[in-house]
Amino acid sequence: MPLGWCVLVRLCLRLAAGLAASTTKPAPVCQFVDAWFAASRHWELALHFSKGLAGGPAGAIDAARNTAMNSDVADAFAWAVTAANGPPTFPGLPPPDLARAFASRSRVTSALAALRAVAPATGTYLNESDYFQPDWKRTFWGANYSRLLAVKQRYDPAGLFTVHQGVGSAS
């Protein structure tokens, strides 16, 4: 029996080039603010500045590009975070409200679509993402996917270690 339902999504916002030059080019900032407002009409969002590396030291950015994480983080100024959840479902408790769960997921997806209008083809990381992400290889792994797949095939040729939308899980 499932423990409850949850939709938690992080979206790497790669608007760094436009925002870094915002003093001379305000258009990207205005587009972002408009998109943020539009997204907020669908669902609550938060900006997390703790993981975006845009404008950081070159060494930190280079190191981030040399990990399994989608390298979009190196160009991101922030992460947009939105989530919805429901109560746990244990024996003896009321069953989950699936209509509410589907409605919440739809609203979260709509909020992210509004942000993707100004930050298309951005990535995120697998740990906190949309379970139903359609373009998950690019979104979660980016340019690293083929390198990571080669490592997985070398060290786990039988596919013992598999996770939903993980490297090699489509095989």
Protein backbone atom coordinates (compact mmCIF):
# COMPACT_ATOMS: atom_id res chain seq x y z
CA MET A 1 0.00 0.00 0.00
CA PRO A 2 1.45 3.42 -0.86
CA LEU A 3 2.50 5.72 1.96
CA GLY A 4 0.71 8.73 0.48
CA TRP A 5 1.08 10.89 -2.57
CA CYS A 6 3.50 13.64 -3.28
CA VAL A 7 4.47 15.83 -6.21
CA LEU A 8 7.75 17.67 -5.64
CA VAL A 9 9.55 19.26 -8.53
CA ARG A 10 12.68 21.31 -8.82
CA LEU A 11 13.44 23.14 -12.01
CA CYS A 12 16.86 24.53 -12.74
CA LEU A 13 16.41 28.10 -13.97
CA ARG A 14 19.02 28.82 -16.59
CA LEU A 15 18.40 32.49 -17.02
CA ALA A 16 21.85 33.37 -15.77
CA ALA A 17 23.13 35.08 -18.89
CA GLY A 18 20.19 37.46 -19.04
CA LEU A 19 20.07 38.06 -15.29
CA ALA A 20 23.79 38.60 -14.94
CA ALA A 21 23.50 41.39 -17.48
CA SER A 22 20.26 42.67 -16.00
CA THR A 23 21.62 46.13 -15.37
CA THR A 24 21.91 46.71 -19.10
CA LYS A 25 19.31 44.27 -20.41
CA PRO A 26 16.19 44.25 -18.24
CA ALA A 27 14.07 42.24 -20.70
CA PRO A 28 15.08 38.75 -19.39
CA VAL A 29 14.33 39.82 -15.82
CA CYS A 30 10.92 41.16 -16.81
CA GLN A 31 10.15 37.97 -18.73
CA PHE A 32 11.13 35.91 -15.69
CA VAL A 33 8.97 38.01 -13.35
CA ASP A 34 6.01 37.69 -15.72
CA ALA A 35 6.52 33.91 -15.94
CA TRP A 36 6.86 33.63 -12.16
CA PHE A 37 3.62 35.54 -11.68
CA ALA A 38 1.85 33.36 -14.26
CA ALA A 39 3.16 30.21 -12.56
CA SER A 40 2.01 31.45 -9.17
CA ARG A 41 -1.57 31.63 -10.45
CA HIS A 42 -1.50 27.82 -10.73
CA TRP A 43 0.36 26.78 -7.58
CA GLU A 44 2.79 27.94 -4.91
CA LEU A 45 6.47 28.10 -5.84
CA ALA A 46 9.71 28.93 -4.09
CA LEU A 47 13.09 30.06 -5.37
CA HIS A 48 16.11 28.30 -3.88
CA PHE A 49 19.37 30.10 -4.45
CA SER A 50 21.47 27.50 -2.64
CA LYS A 51 22.19 25.29 -5.66
CA GLY A 52 22.42 27.59 -8.65
CA LEU A 53 26.05 28.30 -9.47
CA ALA A 54 25.76 31.15 -11.99
CA GLY A 55 28.36 33.78 -11.24
CA GLY A 56 30.23 31.45 -8.89
CA PRO A 57 33.95 30.69 -8.93
CA ALA A 58 35.12 29.06 -12.16
CA GLY A 59 36.57 26.12 -10.21
CA ALA A 60 33.22 25.36 -8.57
CA ILE A 61 31.41 25.55 -11.89
CA ASP A 62 33.97 23.27 -13.59
CA ALA A 63 33.71 20.78 -10.72
CA ALA A 64 29.91 20.76 -10.98
CA ARG A 65 30.12 20.01 -14.69
CA ASN A 66 32.26 16.97 -13.86
CA THR A 67 29.58 15.19 -11.81
CA ALA A 68 26.60 13.03 -12.65
CA MET A 69 24.23 15.96 -12.06
CA ASN A 70 22.79 17.71 -15.08
CA SER A 71 25.31 20.41 -15.94
CA ASP A 72 22.50 22.97 -16.19
CA VAL A 73 23.19 23.62 -12.52
CA ALA A 74 26.41 25.37 -13.53
CA ASP A 75 24.43 27.97 -15.49
CA ALA A 76 21.50 28.28 -13.09
CA PHE A 77 20.93 31.28 -10.89
CA ALA A 78 18.32 29.45 -8.81
CA TRP A 79 16.01 26.46 -8.58
CA ALA A 80 12.26 26.80 -8.70
CA VAL A 81 10.59 24.41 -6.30
CA THR A 82 6.94 23.47 -6.14
CA ALA A 83 5.26 20.61 -4.36
CA ALA A 84 1.94 19.10 -3.36
CA ASN A 85 1.24 16.17 -1.09
CA GLY A 86 -1.45 14.30 0.69
CA PRO A 87 -1.84 12.38 3.93
CA PRO A 88 -0.26 8.97 4.34
CA THR A 89 -2.36 5.92 3.63
CA PHE A 90 -2.01 3.31 6.31
CA PRO A 91 -4.46 0.58 7.23
CA GLY A 92 -7.27 2.05 9.27
CA LEU A 93 -6.90 5.55 7.78
CA PRO A 94 -9.13 6.97 5.06
CA PRO A 95 -8.00 6.15 1.51
CA PRO A 96 -6.13 8.83 -0.44
CA ASP A 97 -8.15 11.48 -2.22
CA LEU A 98 -7.07 10.63 -5.76
CA ALA A 99 -9.15 13.40 -7.32
CA ARG A 100 -7.29 15.92 -5.17
CA ALA A 101 -3.97 14.28 -6.00
CA PHE A 102 -4.59 14.47 -9.75
CA ALA A 103 -5.85 18.06 -9.50
CA SER A 104 -2.79 19.10 -7.49
CA ARG A 105 -0.45 17.41 -9.93
CA SER A 106 -2.16 19.20 -12.81
CA ARG A 107 -1.73 22.56 -11.11
CA VAL A 108 1.93 21.90 -10.28
CA THR A 109 2.53 20.88 -13.91
CA SER A 110 0.82 24.05 -15.13
CA ALA A 111 2.97 26.19 -12.85
CA LEU A 112 6.12 24.58 -14.22
CA ALA A 113 4.90 25.00 -17.80
CA ALA A 114 4.63 28.74 -17.18
CA LEU A 115 8.25 28.83 -16.01
CA ARG A 116 9.47 26.65 -18.86
CA ALA A 117 8.10 29.28 -21.25
CA VAL A 118 11.10 31.46 -20.32
CA ALA A 119 13.47 28.67 -19.31
CA PRO A 120 12.92 25.90 -21.86
CA ALA A 121 15.00 22.74 -21.93
CA THR A 122 16.22 23.28 -18.38
CA GLY A 123 17.24 20.45 -16.15
CA THR A 124 16.77 19.28 -12.61
CA TYR A 125 18.03 16.41 -10.54
CA LEU A 126 16.48 13.02 -10.10
CA ASN A 127 16.02 13.11 -6.34
CA GLU A 128 13.30 15.78 -6.38
CA SER A 129 11.58 15.67 -9.70
CA ASP A 130 8.44 14.80 -11.59
CA TYR A 131 7.93 11.03 -11.55
CA PHE A 132 6.27 11.37 -14.96
CA GLN A 133 8.92 13.65 -16.52
CA PRO A 134 8.57 13.07 -20.28
CA ASP A 135 12.12 14.00 -21.35
CA TRP A 136 13.82 12.58 -18.28
CA LYS A 137 17.16 11.61 -19.83
CA ARG A 138 17.88 15.19 -20.85
CA THR A 139 16.16 16.78 -17.88
CA PHE A 140 17.87 14.71 -15.17
CA TRP A 141 21.19 13.83 -16.75
CA GLY A 142 21.76 16.27 -19.61
CA ALA A 143 24.93 15.82 -21.63
CA ASN A 144 26.21 13.39 -18.97
CA TYR A 145 23.76 10.62 -19.86
CA SER A 146 25.89 8.80 -22.45
CA ARG A 147 29.00 8.92 -20.25
CA LEU A 148 27.02 7.65 -17.27
CA LEU A 149 25.39 4.91 -19.36
CA ALA A 150 28.84 3.68 -20.45
CA VAL A 151 29.93 3.55 -16.78
CA LYS A 152 26.74 1.68 -15.81
CA GLN A 153 27.16 -0.82 -18.64
CA ARG A 154 30.76 -1.44 -17.59
CA TYR A 155 30.15 -1.91 -13.86
CA ASP A 156 26.56 -3.18 -13.84
CA PRO A 157 26.12 -5.09 -17.10
CA ALA A 158 23.30 -7.21 -15.65
CA GLY A 159 21.32 -4.13 -14.61
CA LEU A 160 21.10 -5.11 -10.95
CA PHE A 161 20.99 -1.50 -9.75
CA THR A 162 17.99 0.14 -11.38
CA VAL A 163 15.78 3.02 -10.38
CA HIS A 164 12.85 4.64 -12.16
CA GLN A 165 14.27 7.06 -14.75
CA GLY A 166 17.81 6.29 -13.65
CA VAL A 167 20.70 5.84 -16.02
CA GLY A 168 20.11 2.65 -18.01
CA SER A 169 16.57 2.13 -16.75
CA ALA A 170 15.11 2.43 -20.23
CA SER A 171 17.08 -0.62 -21.37
